[in-house]
Structure formats: C-alpha cells, structure tokens
Amino acid sequence: SETLPRRPESAGTARLLVRVALAAWNLDDLAEDG
C-alpha cells in the first residue's frame, strides 16, 4: 500500500506499485490488466 497525492501523476506510481506486487507474487500475467 502507498498513500499518494491526489494528482494525475499518481497513476504512474500506482501502476508501478501494482506491477511490483504482482511480480513479487509471480502473477505477472495480471500486470497489464492490474
């Protein structure tokens, strides 16, 4: 989890967080949709 500023640029950080979590769990097949 991460607290982010309520700004459009935060979408990029959120995407990175999702990709990192999915890679850590070996669920890379969900990365694009996530």
PDB file of all heavy atoms in Angstrom:
ATOM      1  N   SER A   1       0.837  -1.196   0.000  1.00  0.00           N
ATOM      2  CA  SER A   1       0.000   0.000   0.000  1.00  0.00           C
ATOM      3  C   SER A   1       0.871   1.245   0.000  1.00  0.00           C
ATOM      4  O   SER A   1       2.030   1.202   0.424  1.00  0.00           O
ATOM      5  CB  SER A   1      -0.941   0.013   1.206  1.00  0.00           C
ATOM      6  OG  SER A   1      -0.219   0.033   2.405  1.00  0.00           O
ATOM      7  N   GLU A   2       0.302   2.320  -0.493  1.00  0.00           N
ATOM      8  CA  GLU A   2       1.016   3.584  -0.523  1.00  0.00           C
ATOM      9  C   GLU A   2       0.008   4.728  -0.542  1.00  0.00           C
ATOM     10  O   GLU A   2      -0.989   4.671  -1.252  1.00  0.00           O
ATOM     11  CB  GLU A   2       1.927   3.659  -1.752  1.00  0.00           C
ATOM     12  CG  GLU A   2       2.824   4.857  -1.740  1.00  0.00           C
ATOM     13  CD  GLU A   2       3.955   4.752  -2.754  1.00  0.00           C
ATOM     14  OE1 GLU A   2       4.144   3.693  -3.363  1.00  0.00           O
ATOM     15  OE2 GLU A   2       4.659   5.757  -2.911  1.00  0.00           O
ATOM     16  N   THR A   3       0.280   5.757   0.246  1.00  0.00           N
ATOM     17  CA  THR A   3      -0.509   6.979   0.217  1.00  0.00           C
ATOM     18  C   THR A   3       0.126   7.907  -0.801  1.00  0.00           C
ATOM     19  O   THR A   3       1.344   8.135  -0.773  1.00  0.00           O
ATOM     20  CB  THR A   3      -0.550   7.637   1.610  1.00  0.00           C
ATOM     21  OG1 THR A   3      -1.167   6.719   2.523  1.00  0.00           O
ATOM     22  CG2 THR A   3      -1.359   8.926   1.582  1.00  0.00           C
ATOM     23  N   LEU A   4      -0.703   8.420  -1.698  1.00  0.00           N
ATOM     24  CA  LEU A   4      -0.220   9.258  -2.796  1.00  0.00           C
ATOM     25  C   LEU A   4      -0.971  10.584  -2.822  1.00  0.00           C
ATOM     26  O   LEU A   4      -2.113  10.660  -2.372  1.00  0.00           O
ATOM     27  CB  LEU A   4      -0.440   8.533  -4.129  1.00  0.00           C
ATOM     28  CG  LEU A   4       0.220   7.169  -4.284  1.00  0.00           C
ATOM     29  CD1 LEU A   4      -0.274   6.485  -5.545  1.00  0.00           C
ATOM     30  CD2 LEU A   4       1.725   7.336  -4.311  1.00  0.00           C
ATOM     31  N   PRO A   5      -0.351  11.609  -3.404  1.00  0.00           N
ATOM     32  CA  PRO A   5      -1.083  12.860  -3.585  1.00  0.00           C
ATOM     33  C   PRO A   5      -2.226  12.658  -4.573  1.00  0.00           C
ATOM     34  O   PRO A   5      -2.115  11.852  -5.501  1.00  0.00           O
ATOM     35  CB  PRO A   5      -0.032  13.824  -4.140  1.00  0.00           C
ATOM     36  CG  PRO A   5       1.159  13.026  -4.465  1.00  0.00           C
ATOM     37  CD  PRO A   5       1.005  11.664  -3.880  1.00  0.00           C
ATOM     38  N   ARG A   6      -3.301  13.366  -4.375  1.00  0.00           N
ATOM     39  CA  ARG A   6      -4.453  13.274  -5.280  1.00  0.00           C
ATOM     40  C   ARG A   6      -4.183  14.151  -6.507  1.00  0.00           C
ATOM     41  O   ARG A   6      -4.718  15.234  -6.658  1.00  0.00           O
ATOM     42  CB  ARG A   6      -5.735  13.689  -4.559  1.00  0.00           C
ATOM     43  CG  ARG A   6      -6.993  13.391  -5.387  1.00  0.00           C
ATOM     44  CD  ARG A   6      -8.251  13.681  -4.625  1.00  0.00           C
ATOM     45  NE  ARG A   6      -8.383  15.048  -4.192  1.00  0.00           N
ATOM     46  CZ  ARG A   6      -8.983  16.019  -4.888  1.00  0.00           C
ATOM     47  NH1 ARG A   6      -9.496  15.764  -6.074  1.00  0.00           N
ATOM     48  NH2 ARG A   6      -9.054  17.229  -4.399  1.00  0.00           N
ATOM     49  N   ARG A   7      -3.296  13.623  -7.355  1.00  0.00           N
ATOM     50  CA  ARG A   7      -2.896  14.303  -8.588  1.00  0.00           C
ATOM     51  C   ARG A   7      -2.822  13.272  -9.711  1.00  0.00           C
ATOM     52  O   ARG A   7      -2.540  12.097  -9.464  1.00  0.00           O
ATOM     53  CB  ARG A   7      -1.525  14.960  -8.411  1.00  0.00           C
ATOM     54  CG  ARG A   7      -1.530  16.102  -7.424  1.00  0.00           C
ATOM     55  CD  ARG A   7      -0.272  16.933  -7.541  1.00  0.00           C
ATOM     56  NE  ARG A   7       0.935  16.130  -7.338  1.00  0.00           N
ATOM     57  CZ  ARG A   7       1.754  16.262  -6.319  1.00  0.00           C
ATOM     58  NH1 ARG A   7       1.524  17.163  -5.399  1.00  0.00           N
ATOM     59  NH2 ARG A   7       2.820  15.501  -6.226  1.00  0.00           N
ATOM     60  N   PRO A   8      -3.015  13.696 -10.950  1.00  0.00           N
ATOM     61  CA  PRO A   8      -2.969  12.756 -12.073  1.00  0.00           C
ATOM     62  C   PRO A   8      -1.669  11.964 -12.152  1.00  0.00           C
ATOM     63  O   PRO A   8      -1.675  10.793 -12.529  1.00  0.00           O
ATOM     64  CB  PRO A   8      -3.141  13.652 -13.306  1.00  0.00           C
ATOM     65  CG  PRO A   8      -3.890  14.842 -12.800  1.00  0.00           C
ATOM     66  CD  PRO A   8      -3.404  15.054 -11.384  1.00  0.00           C
ATOM     67  N   GLU A   9      -0.549  12.575 -11.765  1.00  0.00           N
ATOM     68  CA  GLU A   9       0.745  11.893 -11.843  1.00  0.00           C
ATOM     69  C   GLU A   9       0.817  10.665 -10.936  1.00  0.00           C
ATOM     70  O   GLU A   9       1.680   9.801 -11.114  1.00  0.00           O
ATOM     71  CB  GLU A   9       1.888  12.838 -11.447  1.00  0.00           C
ATOM     72  CG  GLU A   9       1.920  14.153 -12.188  1.00  0.00           C
ATOM     73  CD  GLU A   9       1.025  15.209 -11.549  1.00  0.00           C
ATOM     74  OE1 GLU A   9       1.223  15.580 -10.382  1.00  0.00           O
ATOM     75  OE2 GLU A   9       0.109  15.653 -12.255  1.00  0.00           O
ATOM     76  N   SER A  10      -0.046  10.590  -9.948  1.00  0.00           N
ATOM     77  CA  SER A  10      -0.027   9.457  -9.017  1.00  0.00           C
ATOM     78  C   SER A  10      -0.420   8.145  -9.683  1.00  0.00           C
ATOM     79  O   SER A  10      -0.110   7.069  -9.171  1.00  0.00           O
ATOM     80  CB  SER A  10      -0.931   9.738  -7.824  1.00  0.00           C
ATOM     81  OG  SER A  10      -0.368  10.775  -7.037  1.00  0.00           O
ATOM     82  N   ALA A  11      -1.079   8.215 -10.829  1.00  0.00           N
ATOM     83  CA  ALA A  11      -1.451   6.987 -11.540  1.00  0.00           C
ATOM     84  C   ALA A  11      -0.208   6.190 -11.924  1.00  0.00           C
ATOM     85  O   ALA A  11      -0.198   4.959 -11.839  1.00  0.00           O
ATOM     86  CB  ALA A  11      -2.287   7.310 -12.772  1.00  0.00           C
ATOM     87  N   GLY A  12       0.876   6.868 -12.304  1.00  0.00           N
ATOM     88  CA  GLY A  12       2.110   6.178 -12.665  1.00  0.00           C
ATOM     89  C   GLY A  12       2.717   5.441 -11.482  1.00  0.00           C
ATOM     90  O   GLY A  12       3.161   4.302 -11.606  1.00  0.00           O
ATOM     91  N   THR A  13       2.722   6.079 -10.318  1.00  0.00           N
ATOM     92  CA  THR A  13       3.239   5.434  -9.106  1.00  0.00           C
ATOM     93  C   THR A  13       2.360   4.255  -8.723  1.00  0.00           C
ATOM     94  O   THR A  13       2.861   3.202  -8.309  1.00  0.00           O
ATOM     95  CB  THR A  13       3.310   6.450  -7.951  1.00  0.00           C
ATOM     96  OG1 THR A  13       4.077   7.581  -8.381  1.00  0.00           O
ATOM     97  CG2 THR A  13       3.933   5.840  -6.715  1.00  0.00           C
ATOM     98  N   ALA A  14       1.053   4.410  -8.865  1.00  0.00           N
ATOM     99  CA  ALA A  14       0.123   3.321  -8.544  1.00  0.00           C
ATOM    100  C   ALA A  14       0.335   2.136  -9.476  1.00  0.00           C
ATOM    101  O   ALA A  14       0.314   0.976  -9.035  1.00  0.00           O
ATOM    102  CB  ALA A  14      -1.317   3.823  -8.631  1.00  0.00           C
ATOM    103  N   ARG A  15       0.559   2.400 -10.756  1.00  0.00           N
ATOM    104  CA  ARG A  15       0.828   1.305 -11.706  1.00  0.00           C
ATOM    105  C   ARG A  15       2.097   0.555 -11.316  1.00  0.00           C
ATOM    106  O   ARG A  15       2.143  -0.677 -11.353  1.00  0.00           O
ATOM    107  CB  ARG A  15       0.951   1.850 -13.131  1.00  0.00           C
ATOM    108  CG  ARG A  15      -0.358   2.228 -13.765  1.00  0.00           C
ATOM    109  CD  ARG A  15      -0.217   2.523 -15.244  1.00  0.00           C
ATOM    110  NE  ARG A  15       0.665   3.640 -15.529  1.00  0.00           N
ATOM    111  CZ  ARG A  15       0.290   4.915 -15.586  1.00  0.00           C
ATOM    112  NH1 ARG A  15      -0.977   5.239 -15.364  1.00  0.00           N
ATOM    113  NH2 ARG A  15       1.158   5.855 -15.870  1.00  0.00           N
ATOM    114  N   LEU A  16       3.131   1.301 -10.918  1.00  0.00           N
ATOM    115  CA  LEU A  16       4.379   0.665 -10.502  1.00  0.00           C
ATOM    116  C   LEU A  16       4.160  -0.199  -9.264  1.00  0.00           C
ATOM    117  O   LEU A  16       4.673  -1.321  -9.186  1.00  0.00           O
ATOM    118  CB  LEU A  16       5.441   1.736 -10.233  1.00  0.00           C
ATOM    119  CG  LEU A  16       6.810   1.219  -9.804  1.00  0.00           C
ATOM    120  CD1 LEU A  16       7.410   0.314 -10.870  1.00  0.00           C
ATOM    121  CD2 LEU A  16       7.731   2.391  -9.508  1.00  0.00           C
ATOM    122  N   LEU A  17       3.395   0.289  -8.307  1.00  0.00           N
ATOM    123  CA  LEU A  17       3.101  -0.484  -7.100  1.00  0.00           C
ATOM    124  C   LEU A  17       2.409  -1.799  -7.449  1.00  0.00           C
ATOM    125  O   LEU A  17       2.763  -2.861  -6.933  1.00  0.00           O
ATOM    126  CB  LEU A  17       2.230   0.339  -6.148  1.00  0.00           C
ATOM    127  CG  LEU A  17       1.883  -0.326  -4.819  1.00  0.00           C
ATOM    128  CD1 LEU A  17       3.124  -0.426  -3.936  1.00  0.00           C
ATOM    129  CD2 LEU A  17       0.798   0.481  -4.111  1.00  0.00           C
ATOM    130  N   VAL A  18       1.436  -1.742  -8.342  1.00  0.00           N
ATOM    131  CA  VAL A  18       0.721  -2.946  -8.768  1.00  0.00           C
ATOM    132  C   VAL A  18       1.681  -3.915  -9.455  1.00  0.00           C
ATOM    133  O   VAL A  18       1.702  -5.116  -9.146  1.00  0.00           O
ATOM    134  CB  VAL A  18      -0.466  -2.596  -9.690  1.00  0.00           C
ATOM    135  CG1 VAL A  18      -1.021  -3.834 -10.385  1.00  0.00           C
ATOM    136  CG2 VAL A  18      -1.558  -1.889  -8.898  1.00  0.00           C
ATOM    137  N   ARG A  19       2.502  -3.418 -10.356  1.00  0.00           N
ATOM    138  CA  ARG A  19       3.444  -4.280 -11.080  1.00  0.00           C
ATOM    139  C   ARG A  19       4.454  -4.942 -10.135  1.00  0.00           C
ATOM    140  O   ARG A  19       4.774  -6.117 -10.285  1.00  0.00           O
ATOM    141  CB  ARG A  19       4.168  -3.490 -12.164  1.00  0.00           C
ATOM    142  CG  ARG A  19       3.265  -3.115 -13.323  1.00  0.00           C
ATOM    143  CD  ARG A  19       4.048  -2.339 -14.378  1.00  0.00           C
ATOM    144  NE  ARG A  19       3.201  -1.797 -15.395  1.00  0.00           N
ATOM    145  CZ  ARG A  19       2.718  -2.468 -16.427  1.00  0.00           C
ATOM    146  NH1 ARG A  19       2.999  -3.744 -16.560  1.00  0.00           N
ATOM    147  NH2 ARG A  19       1.955  -1.887 -17.321  1.00  0.00           N
ATOM    148  N   VAL A  20       4.958  -4.175  -9.159  1.00  0.00           N
ATOM    149  CA  VAL A  20       5.912  -4.721  -8.192  1.00  0.00           C
ATOM    150  C   VAL A  20       5.255  -5.831  -7.369  1.00  0.00           C
ATOM    151  O   VAL A  20       5.831  -6.905  -7.176  1.00  0.00           O
ATOM    152  CB  VAL A  20       6.477  -3.608  -7.284  1.00  0.00           C
ATOM    153  CG1 VAL A  20       7.189  -4.177  -6.066  1.00  0.00           C
ATOM    154  CG2 VAL A  20       7.406  -2.702  -8.081  1.00  0.00           C
ATOM    155  N   ALA A  21       4.055  -5.582  -6.876  1.00  0.00           N
ATOM    156  CA  ALA A  21       3.352  -6.585  -6.072  1.00  0.00           C
ATOM    157  C   ALA A  21       3.113  -7.856  -6.884  1.00  0.00           C
ATOM    158  O   ALA A  21       3.375  -8.969  -6.415  1.00  0.00           O
ATOM    159  CB  ALA A  21       2.032  -6.021  -5.554  1.00  0.00           C
ATOM    160  N   LEU A  22       2.627  -7.693  -8.094  1.00  0.00           N
ATOM    161  CA  LEU A  22       2.327  -8.866  -8.922  1.00  0.00           C
ATOM    162  C   LEU A  22       3.591  -9.638  -9.285  1.00  0.00           C
ATOM    163  O   LEU A  22       3.584 -10.875  -9.311  1.00  0.00           O
ATOM    164  CB  LEU A  22       1.557  -8.447 -10.167  1.00  0.00           C
ATOM    165  CG  LEU A  22       0.142  -7.911  -9.874  1.00  0.00           C
ATOM    166  CD1 LEU A  22      -0.474  -7.319 -11.131  1.00  0.00           C
ATOM    167  CD2 LEU A  22      -0.736  -8.986  -9.282  1.00  0.00           C
ATOM    168  N   ALA A  23       4.684  -8.950  -9.534  1.00  0.00           N
ATOM    169  CA  ALA A  23       5.949  -9.630  -9.825  1.00  0.00           C
ATOM    170  C   ALA A  23       6.432 -10.401  -8.591  1.00  0.00           C
ATOM    171  O   ALA A  23       6.905 -11.529  -8.710  1.00  0.00           O
ATOM    172  CB  ALA A  23       7.006  -8.620 -10.273  1.00  0.00           C
ATOM    173  N   ALA A  24       6.288  -9.799  -7.419  1.00  0.00           N
ATOM    174  CA  ALA A  24       6.709 -10.469  -6.181  1.00  0.00           C
ATOM    175  C   ALA A  24       5.915 -11.747  -5.947  1.00  0.00           C
ATOM    176  O   ALA A  24       6.441 -12.707  -5.364  1.00  0.00           O
ATOM    177  CB  ALA A  24       6.556  -9.526  -4.991  1.00  0.00           C
ATOM    178  N   TRP A  25       4.673 -11.766  -6.394  1.00  0.00           N
ATOM    179  CA  TRP A  25       3.813 -12.932  -6.197  1.00  0.00           C
ATOM    180  C   TRP A  25       3.805 -13.868  -7.401  1.00  0.00           C
ATOM    181  O   TRP A  25       2.990 -14.793  -7.479  1.00  0.00           O
ATOM    182  CB  TRP A  25       2.393 -12.479  -5.891  1.00  0.00           C
ATOM    183  CG  TRP A  25       2.262 -11.687  -4.632  1.00  0.00           C
ATOM    184  CD1 TRP A  25       2.981 -11.853  -3.478  1.00  0.00           C
ATOM    185  CD2 TRP A  25       1.378 -10.593  -4.394  1.00  0.00           C
ATOM    186  NE1 TRP A  25       2.577 -10.930  -2.540  1.00  0.00           N
ATOM    187  CE2 TRP A  25       1.596 -10.144  -3.065  1.00  0.00           C
ATOM    188  CE3 TRP A  25       0.419  -9.945  -5.152  1.00  0.00           C
ATOM    189  CZ2 TRP A  25       0.891  -9.081  -2.500  1.00  0.00           C
ATOM    190  CZ3 TRP A  25      -0.286  -8.890  -4.595  1.00  0.00           C
ATOM    191  CH2 TRP A  25      -0.052  -8.474  -3.283  1.00  0.00           C
ATOM    192  N   ASN A  26       4.663 -13.617  -8.390  1.00  0.00           N
ATOM    193  CA  ASN A  26       4.707 -14.413  -9.626  1.00  0.00           C
ATOM    194  C   ASN A  26       3.351 -14.442 -10.336  1.00  0.00           C
ATOM    195  O   ASN A  26       2.923 -15.488 -10.835  1.00  0.00           O
ATOM    196  CB  ASN A  26       5.206 -15.838  -9.359  1.00  0.00           C
ATOM    197  CG  ASN A  26       6.665 -15.858  -8.999  1.00  0.00           C
ATOM    198  OD1 ASN A  26       7.461 -15.117  -9.574  1.00  0.00           O
ATOM    199  ND2 ASN A  26       7.023 -16.681  -8.027  1.00  0.00           N
ATOM    200  N   LEU A  27       2.700 -13.295 -10.339  1.00  0.00           N
ATOM    201  CA  LEU A  27       1.406 -13.157 -11.023  1.00  0.00           C
ATOM    202  C   LEU A  27       1.525 -12.131 -12.151  1.00  0.00           C
ATOM    203  O   LEU A  27       0.641 -11.298 -12.359  1.00  0.00           O
ATOM    204  CB  LEU A  27       0.316 -12.745 -10.026  1.00  0.00           C
ATOM    205  CG  LEU A  27      -0.018 -13.777  -8.952  1.00  0.00           C
ATOM    206  CD1 LEU A  27      -0.961 -13.184  -7.903  1.00  0.00           C
ATOM    207  CD2 LEU A  27      -0.620 -15.026  -9.576  1.00  0.00           C
ATOM    208  N   ASP A  28       2.630 -12.219 -12.886  1.00  0.00           N
ATOM    209  CA  ASP A  28       2.905 -11.257 -13.955  1.00  0.00           C
ATOM    210  C   ASP A  28       1.817 -11.239 -15.034  1.00  0.00           C
ATOM    211  O   ASP A  28       1.647 -10.232 -15.720  1.00  0.00           O
ATOM    212  CB  ASP A  28       4.261 -11.549 -14.594  1.00  0.00           C
ATOM    213  CG  ASP A  28       5.390 -11.405 -13.599  1.00  0.00           C
ATOM    214  OD1 ASP A  28       5.728 -10.260 -13.246  1.00  0.00           O
ATOM    215  OD2 ASP A  28       5.908 -12.449 -13.156  1.00  0.00           O
ATOM    216  N   ASP A  29       1.081 -12.340 -15.185  1.00  0.00           N
ATOM    217  CA  ASP A  29       0.026 -12.392 -16.188  1.00  0.00           C
ATOM    218  C   ASP A  29      -1.105 -11.406 -15.876  1.00  0.00           C
ATOM    219  O   ASP A  29      -1.899 -11.074 -16.748  1.00  0.00           O
ATOM    220  CB  ASP A  29      -0.524 -13.812 -16.348  1.00  0.00           C
ATOM    221  CG  ASP A  29      -1.077 -14.402 -15.064  1.00  0.00           C
ATOM    222  OD1 ASP A  29      -0.362 -14.359 -14.036  1.00  0.00           O
ATOM    223  OD2 ASP A  29      -2.209 -14.918 -15.090  1.00  0.00           O
ATOM    224  N   LEU A  30      -1.162 -10.893 -14.650  1.00  0.00           N
ATOM    225  CA  LEU A  30      -2.189  -9.927 -14.263  1.00  0.00           C
ATOM    226  C   LEU A  30      -1.710  -8.479 -14.354  1.00  0.00           C
ATOM    227  O   LEU A  30      -2.482  -7.550 -14.118  1.00  0.00           O
ATOM    228  CB  LEU A  30      -2.646 -10.194 -12.820  1.00  0.00           C
ATOM    229  CG  LEU A  30      -3.271 -11.556 -12.553  1.00  0.00           C
ATOM    230  CD1 LEU A  30      -3.588 -11.709 -11.072  1.00  0.00           C
ATOM    231  CD2 LEU A  30      -4.512 -11.745 -13.408  1.00  0.00           C
ATOM    232  N   ALA A  31      -0.428  -8.283 -14.697  1.00  0.00           N
ATOM    233  CA  ALA A  31       0.176  -6.952 -14.610  1.00  0.00           C
ATOM    234  C   ALA A  31      -0.484  -5.915 -15.522  1.00  0.00           C
ATOM    235  O   ALA A  31      -0.748  -4.788 -15.087  1.00  0.00           O
ATOM    236  CB  ALA A  31       1.672  -7.031 -14.890  1.00  0.00           C
ATOM    237  N   GLU A  32      -0.734  -6.257 -16.760  1.00  0.00           N
ATOM    238  CA  GLU A  32      -1.315  -5.270 -17.688  1.00  0.00           C
ATOM    239  C   GLU A  32      -2.717  -4.854 -17.253  1.00  0.00           C
ATOM    240  O   GLU A  32      -3.029  -3.670 -17.195  1.00  0.00           O
ATOM    241  CB  GLU A  32      -1.333  -5.816 -19.124  1.00  0.00           C
ATOM    242  CG  GLU A  32       0.034  -5.930 -19.741  1.00  0.00           C
ATOM    243  CD  GLU A  32       0.803  -4.611 -19.757  1.00  0.00           C
ATOM    244  OE1 GLU A  32       0.226  -3.575 -20.116  1.00  0.00           O
ATOM    245  OE2 GLU A  32       1.993  -4.631 -19.386  1.00  0.00           O
ATOM    246  N   ASP A  33      -3.560  -5.841 -16.946  1.00  0.00           N
ATOM    247  CA  ASP A  33      -4.919  -5.524 -16.501  1.00  0.00           C
ATOM    248  C   ASP A  33      -4.887  -4.774 -15.172  1.00  0.00           C
ATOM    249  O   ASP A  33      -5.630  -3.807 -14.979  1.00  0.00           O
ATOM    250  CB  ASP A  33      -5.764  -6.794 -16.361  1.00  0.00           C
ATOM    251  CG  ASP A  33      -6.113  -7.407 -17.703  1.00  0.00           C
ATOM    252  OD1 ASP A  33      -5.857  -6.772 -18.749  1.00  0.00           O
ATOM    253  OD2 ASP A  33      -6.643  -8.540 -17.709  1.00  0.00           O
ATOM    254  N   GLY A  34      -4.022  -5.206 -14.261  1.00  0.00           N
ATOM    255  CA  GLY A  34      -3.925  -4.532 -12.963  1.00  0.00           C
ATOM    256  C   GLY A  34      -3.483  -3.091 -13.092  1.00  0.00           C
ATOM    257  O   GLY A  34      -4.026  -2.204 -12.430  1.00  0.00           O
TER     258      GLY A  34
END
